[in-house]
Amino acid sequence: MRRLVRVLVLFPAVLAGCAKPDAAPPAADTTAAMTAAPAAPAVTLADFAGNWHVVARNEAGDSVTYQLAAGADPATWSITFPGRDPIPARVVEVAGDSVVVEGGPFESAMRPGVQVETRTVMRLQDGALVAQTVARYATTGPDSVANITARGTRLP
């Protein structure tokens, strides 16, 4: 009789241990969460066309001004520091919201007498030109590279 009671008590436990586990609920669909927000429309050189008054500042806070002449034709881009001849600016890429421009070598406006080459990424933000420039100076010192930020306003 005890044996029968044991079998009756243990049998449901054995059955429960042998049963297949409940199927896991289906994974949540995360496709919508992974979809990126629509990208801003790509810029063109025509969006930058015009003359810009630009103020550039290095990491130390020193600043210079120049005029950027930009056009729909990349061959027309140039920068002009006060009292100097225009310096050709080479448009090397237009992608997404940015234009990448290189210049030089030319005499630095921030370090007179030192040659510099620049690579600048320009964007339009609320009607203004904002830019980040990496300047590479022809010097062997520890300060041969500088990061420069700039902001420009379109001239009438």
C-alpha atoms as a PDB file:
ATOM      1  CA  MET A   1       0.000   0.000   0.000  1.00  0.00           C
ATOM      2  CA  ARG A   2       2.829   2.400   0.859  1.00  0.00           C
ATOM      3  CA  ARG A   3       4.384   1.618  -2.388  1.00  0.00           C
ATOM      4  CA  LEU A   4       1.194   2.490  -4.238  1.00  0.00           C
ATOM      5  CA  VAL A   5       0.943   5.782  -2.340  1.00  0.00           C
ATOM      6  CA  ARG A   6       4.543   6.633  -3.269  1.00  0.00           C
ATOM      7  CA  VAL A   7       3.925   5.881  -6.920  1.00  0.00           C
ATOM      8  CA  LEU A   8       0.751   7.989  -6.913  1.00  0.00           C
ATOM      9  CA  VAL A   9       2.555  10.882  -5.193  1.00  0.00           C
ATOM     10  CA  LEU A  10       5.745  10.737  -7.279  1.00  0.00           C
ATOM     11  CA  PHE A  11       4.138   9.974 -10.634  1.00  0.00           C
ATOM     12  CA  PRO A  12       2.918  13.566 -11.294  1.00  0.00           C
ATOM     13  CA  ALA A  13       6.373  14.906 -10.390  1.00  0.00           C
ATOM     14  CA  VAL A  14       8.050  12.496 -12.825  1.00  0.00           C
ATOM     15  CA  LEU A  15       5.588  13.443 -15.551  1.00  0.00           C
ATOM     16  CA  ALA A  16       6.229  17.145 -14.945  1.00  0.00           C
ATOM     17  CA  GLY A  17       9.988  16.605 -15.232  1.00  0.00           C
ATOM     18  CA  CYS A  18       9.628  14.802 -18.558  1.00  0.00           C
ATOM     19  CA  ALA A  19       7.274  17.285 -20.131  1.00  0.00           C
ATOM     20  CA  LYS A  20       8.526  19.633 -22.821  1.00  0.00           C
ATOM     21  CA  PRO A  21       9.047  23.155 -21.549  1.00  0.00           C
ATOM     22  CA  ASP A  22       6.545  25.751 -22.652  1.00  0.00           C
ATOM     23  CA  ALA A  23       7.537  27.382 -25.872  1.00  0.00           C
ATOM     24  CA  ALA A  24       9.108  30.767 -25.308  1.00  0.00           C
ATOM     25  CA  PRO A  25       7.026  33.682 -26.477  1.00  0.00           C
ATOM     26  CA  PRO A  26       8.036  34.938 -29.898  1.00  0.00           C
ATOM     27  CA  ALA A  27      10.779  37.543 -29.857  1.00  0.00           C
ATOM     28  CA  ALA A  28       9.612  41.121 -30.046  1.00  0.00           C
ATOM     29  CA  ASP A  29       9.889  42.742 -33.453  1.00  0.00           C
ATOM     30  CA  THR A  30      12.693  45.291 -33.070  1.00  0.00           C
ATOM     31  CA  THR A  31      12.837  46.200 -36.740  1.00  0.00           C
ATOM     32  CA  ALA A  32      10.992  49.459 -36.177  1.00  0.00           C
ATOM     33  CA  ALA A  33      13.315  50.461 -33.338  1.00  0.00           C
ATOM     34  CA  MET A  34      16.388  49.771 -35.482  1.00  0.00           C
ATOM     35  CA  THR A  35      15.169  51.822 -38.417  1.00  0.00           C
ATOM     36  CA  ALA A  36      17.046  55.104 -38.460  1.00  0.00           C
ATOM     37  CA  ALA A  37      15.318  58.416 -38.680  1.00  0.00           C
ATOM     38  CA  PRO A  38      15.137  59.748 -42.211  1.00  0.00           C
ATOM     39  CA  ALA A  39      18.430  61.300 -43.230  1.00  0.00           C
ATOM     40  CA  ALA A  40      18.653  64.977 -44.000  1.00  0.00           C
ATOM     41  CA  PRO A  41      18.746  65.683 -47.706  1.00  0.00           C
ATOM     42  CA  ALA A  42      22.232  65.665 -49.158  1.00  0.00           C
ATOM     43  CA  VAL A  43      23.812  69.055 -49.745  1.00  0.00           C
ATOM     44  CA  THR A  44      25.160  70.271 -53.051  1.00  0.00           C
ATOM     45  CA  LEU A  45      27.827  72.828 -53.835  1.00  0.00           C
ATOM     46  CA  ALA A  46      25.033  75.175 -54.912  1.00  0.00           C
ATOM     47  CA  ASP A  47      23.798  75.199 -51.283  1.00  0.00           C
ATOM     48  CA  PHE A  48      27.129  76.789 -50.284  1.00  0.00           C
ATOM     49  CA  ALA A  49      27.323  79.167 -53.239  1.00  0.00           C
ATOM     50  CA  GLY A  50      28.119  82.756 -52.375  1.00  0.00           C
ATOM     51  CA  ASN A  51      30.640  84.784 -50.424  1.00  0.00           C
ATOM     52  CA  TRP A  52      31.096  84.087 -46.736  1.00  0.00           C
ATOM     53  CA  HIS A  53      32.755  86.124 -43.972  1.00  0.00           C
ATOM     54  CA  VAL A  54      34.438  83.504 -41.779  1.00  0.00           C
ATOM     55  CA  VAL A  55      35.975  83.772 -38.309  1.00  0.00           C
ATOM     56  CA  ALA A  56      38.342  80.896 -37.469  1.00  0.00           C
ATOM     57  CA  ARG A  57      39.680  80.113 -33.980  1.00  0.00           C
ATOM     58  CA  ASN A  58      42.444  77.725 -32.975  1.00  0.00           C
ATOM     59  CA  GLU A  59      42.550  75.769 -29.713  1.00  0.00           C
ATOM     60  CA  ALA A  60      44.409  78.602 -27.955  1.00  0.00           C
ATOM     61  CA  GLY A  61      41.623  81.044 -28.853  1.00  0.00           C
ATOM     62  CA  ASP A  62      43.622  82.968 -31.480  1.00  0.00           C
ATOM     63  CA  SER A  63      41.432  83.998 -34.386  1.00  0.00           C
ATOM     64  CA  VAL A  64      41.697  85.137 -37.978  1.00  0.00           C
ATOM     65  CA  THR A  65      39.086  86.192 -40.507  1.00  0.00           C
ATOM     66  CA  TYR A  66      38.881  85.352 -44.174  1.00  0.00           C
ATOM     67  CA  GLN A  67      36.452  85.417 -47.033  1.00  0.00           C
ATOM     68  CA  LEU A  68      35.332  82.154 -48.613  1.00  0.00           C
ATOM     69  CA  ALA A  69      34.133  82.357 -52.205  1.00  0.00           C
ATOM     70  CA  ALA A  70      32.089  79.249 -53.008  1.00  0.00           C
ATOM     71  CA  GLY A  71      30.219  78.262 -56.114  1.00  0.00           C
ATOM     72  CA  ALA A  72      28.355  75.399 -57.735  1.00  0.00           C
ATOM     73  CA  ASP A  73      31.536  74.777 -59.763  1.00  0.00           C
ATOM     74  CA  PRO A  74      34.244  73.339 -57.481  1.00  0.00           C
ATOM     75  CA  ALA A  75      36.946  75.094 -59.519  1.00  0.00           C
ATOM     76  CA  THR A  76      35.668  78.471 -58.280  1.00  0.00           C
ATOM     77  CA  TRP A  77      36.257  77.943 -54.544  1.00  0.00           C
ATOM     78  CA  SER A  78      38.882  80.104 -52.838  1.00  0.00           C
ATOM     79  CA  ILE A  79      39.753  81.689 -49.514  1.00  0.00           C
ATOM     80  CA  THR A  80      41.138  85.188 -49.152  1.00  0.00           C
ATOM     81  CA  PHE A  81      42.824  86.538 -46.037  1.00  0.00           C
ATOM     82  CA  PRO A  82      42.842  90.340 -45.623  1.00  0.00           C
ATOM     83  CA  GLY A  83      45.628  91.909 -47.710  1.00  0.00           C
ATOM     84  CA  ARG A  84      46.433  88.675 -49.571  1.00  0.00           C
ATOM     85  CA  ASP A  85      45.756  87.106 -52.927  1.00  0.00           C
ATOM     86  CA  PRO A  86      43.029  84.422 -53.099  1.00  0.00           C
ATOM     87  CA  ILE A  87      44.132  80.880 -52.274  1.00  0.00           C
ATOM     88  CA  PRO A  88      42.495  78.097 -54.329  1.00  0.00           C
ATOM     89  CA  ALA A  89      40.409  75.698 -52.262  1.00  0.00           C
ATOM     90  CA  ARG A  90      40.079  72.155 -53.637  1.00  0.00           C
ATOM     91  CA  VAL A  91      36.663  70.553 -53.097  1.00  0.00           C
ATOM     92  CA  VAL A  92      37.517  66.901 -52.497  1.00  0.00           C
ATOM     93  CA  GLU A  93      34.135  65.506 -51.461  1.00  0.00           C
ATOM     94  CA  VAL A  94      30.478  66.388 -51.147  1.00  0.00           C
ATOM     95  CA  ALA A  95      28.612  63.826 -49.055  1.00  0.00           C
ATOM     96  CA  GLY A  96      25.591  63.865 -46.793  1.00  0.00           C
ATOM     97  CA  ASP A  97      25.460  67.241 -45.055  1.00  0.00           C
ATOM     98  CA  SER A  98      29.129  68.125 -45.609  1.00  0.00           C
ATOM     99  CA  VAL A  99      31.635  69.501 -48.071  1.00  0.00           C
ATOM    100  CA  VAL A 100      35.314  68.633 -47.600  1.00  0.00           C
ATOM    101  CA  VAL A 101      37.811  71.217 -48.843  1.00  0.00           C
ATOM    102  CA  GLU A 102      41.621  71.212 -48.894  1.00  0.00           C
ATOM    103  CA  GLY A 103      43.960  74.152 -49.218  1.00  0.00           C
ATOM    104  CA  GLY A 104      47.647  74.768 -49.433  1.00  0.00           C
ATOM    105  CA  PRO A 105      50.395  74.800 -48.988  1.00  0.00           C
ATOM    106  CA  PHE A 106      50.203  78.527 -48.269  1.00  0.00           C
ATOM    107  CA  GLU A 107      51.591  80.911 -45.646  1.00  0.00           C
ATOM    108  CA  SER A 108      49.599  80.536 -42.446  1.00  0.00           C
ATOM    109  CA  ALA A 109      47.558  83.516 -41.260  1.00  0.00           C
ATOM    110  CA  MET A 110      47.845  82.272 -37.662  1.00  0.00           C
ATOM    111  CA  ARG A 111      51.576  81.520 -37.839  1.00  0.00           C
ATOM    112  CA  PRO A 112      53.163  84.069 -40.203  1.00  0.00           C
ATOM    113  CA  GLY A 113      56.162  82.708 -42.073  1.00  0.00           C
ATOM    114  CA  VAL A 114      55.081  79.070 -41.681  1.00  0.00           C
ATOM    115  CA  GLN A 115      53.600  77.061 -44.533  1.00  0.00           C
ATOM    116  CA  VAL A 116      50.372  75.181 -43.819  1.00  0.00           C
ATOM    117  CA  GLU A 117      48.061  72.690 -45.519  1.00  0.00           C
ATOM    118  CA  THR A 118      44.435  72.449 -44.411  1.00  0.00           C
ATOM    119  CA  ARG A 119      41.566  69.989 -44.621  1.00  0.00           C
ATOM    120  CA  THR A 120      38.188  71.443 -43.698  1.00  0.00           C
ATOM    121  CA  VAL A 121      34.775  69.856 -43.246  1.00  0.00           C
ATOM    122  CA  MET A 122      32.015  72.426 -43.788  1.00  0.00           C
ATOM    123  CA  ARG A 123      28.312  72.213 -42.959  1.00  0.00           C
ATOM    124  CA  LEU A 124      25.364  74.561 -43.099  1.00  0.00           C
ATOM    125  CA  GLN A 125      23.622  75.030 -39.765  1.00  0.00           C
ATOM    126  CA  ASP A 126      20.718  77.440 -39.280  1.00  0.00           C
ATOM    127  CA  GLY A 127      21.872  79.527 -42.246  1.00  0.00           C
ATOM    128  CA  ALA A 128      25.467  79.754 -41.022  1.00  0.00           C
ATOM    129  CA  LEU A 129      28.576  77.987 -42.255  1.00  0.00           C
ATOM    130  CA  VAL A 130      30.238  75.895 -39.542  1.00  0.00           C
ATOM    131  CA  ALA A 131      33.574  74.233 -40.137  1.00  0.00           C
ATOM    132  CA  GLN A 132      36.244  72.071 -38.544  1.00  0.00           C
ATOM    133  CA  THR A 133      39.746  72.363 -39.942  1.00  0.00           C
ATOM    134  CA  VAL A 134      42.860  70.300 -39.361  1.00  0.00           C
ATOM    135  CA  ALA A 135      45.903  72.446 -40.148  1.00  0.00           C
ATOM    136  CA  ARG A 136      49.243  70.733 -40.774  1.00  0.00           C
ATOM    137  CA  TYR A 137      52.188  73.094 -40.422  1.00  0.00           C
ATOM    138  CA  ALA A 138      55.561  72.625 -42.142  1.00  0.00           C
ATOM    139  CA  THR A 139      57.454  72.415 -38.881  1.00  0.00           C
ATOM    140  CA  THR A 140      59.102  69.630 -36.924  1.00  0.00           C
ATOM    141  CA  GLY A 141      57.927  70.867 -33.529  1.00  0.00           C
ATOM    142  CA  PRO A 142      55.328  69.186 -31.361  1.00  0.00           C
ATOM    143  CA  ASP A 143      52.708  71.683 -32.496  1.00  0.00           C
ATOM    144  CA  SER A 144      52.733  70.775 -36.179  1.00  0.00           C
ATOM    145  CA  VAL A 145      48.987  70.004 -36.222  1.00  0.00           C
ATOM    146  CA  ALA A 146      46.192  72.280 -35.025  1.00  0.00           C
ATOM    147  CA  ASN A 147      42.425  71.943 -34.854  1.00  0.00           C
ATOM    148  CA  ILE A 148      40.538  75.047 -35.889  1.00  0.00           C
ATOM    149  CA  THR A 149      36.836  75.790 -35.654  1.00  0.00           C
ATOM    150  CA  ALA A 150      35.140  78.365 -37.844  1.00  0.00           C
ATOM    151  CA  ARG A 151      31.794  80.035 -38.285  1.00  0.00           C
ATOM    152  CA  GLY A 152      30.774  82.013 -41.328  1.00  0.00           C
ATOM    153  CA  THR A 153      27.946  84.309 -42.336  1.00  0.00           C
ATOM    154  CA  ARG A 154      26.830  84.687 -45.924  1.00  0.00           C
ATOM    155  CA  LEU A 155      27.592  88.114 -47.349  1.00  0.00           C
ATOM    156  CA  PRO A 156      24.835  89.926 -49.232  1.00  0.00           C
END
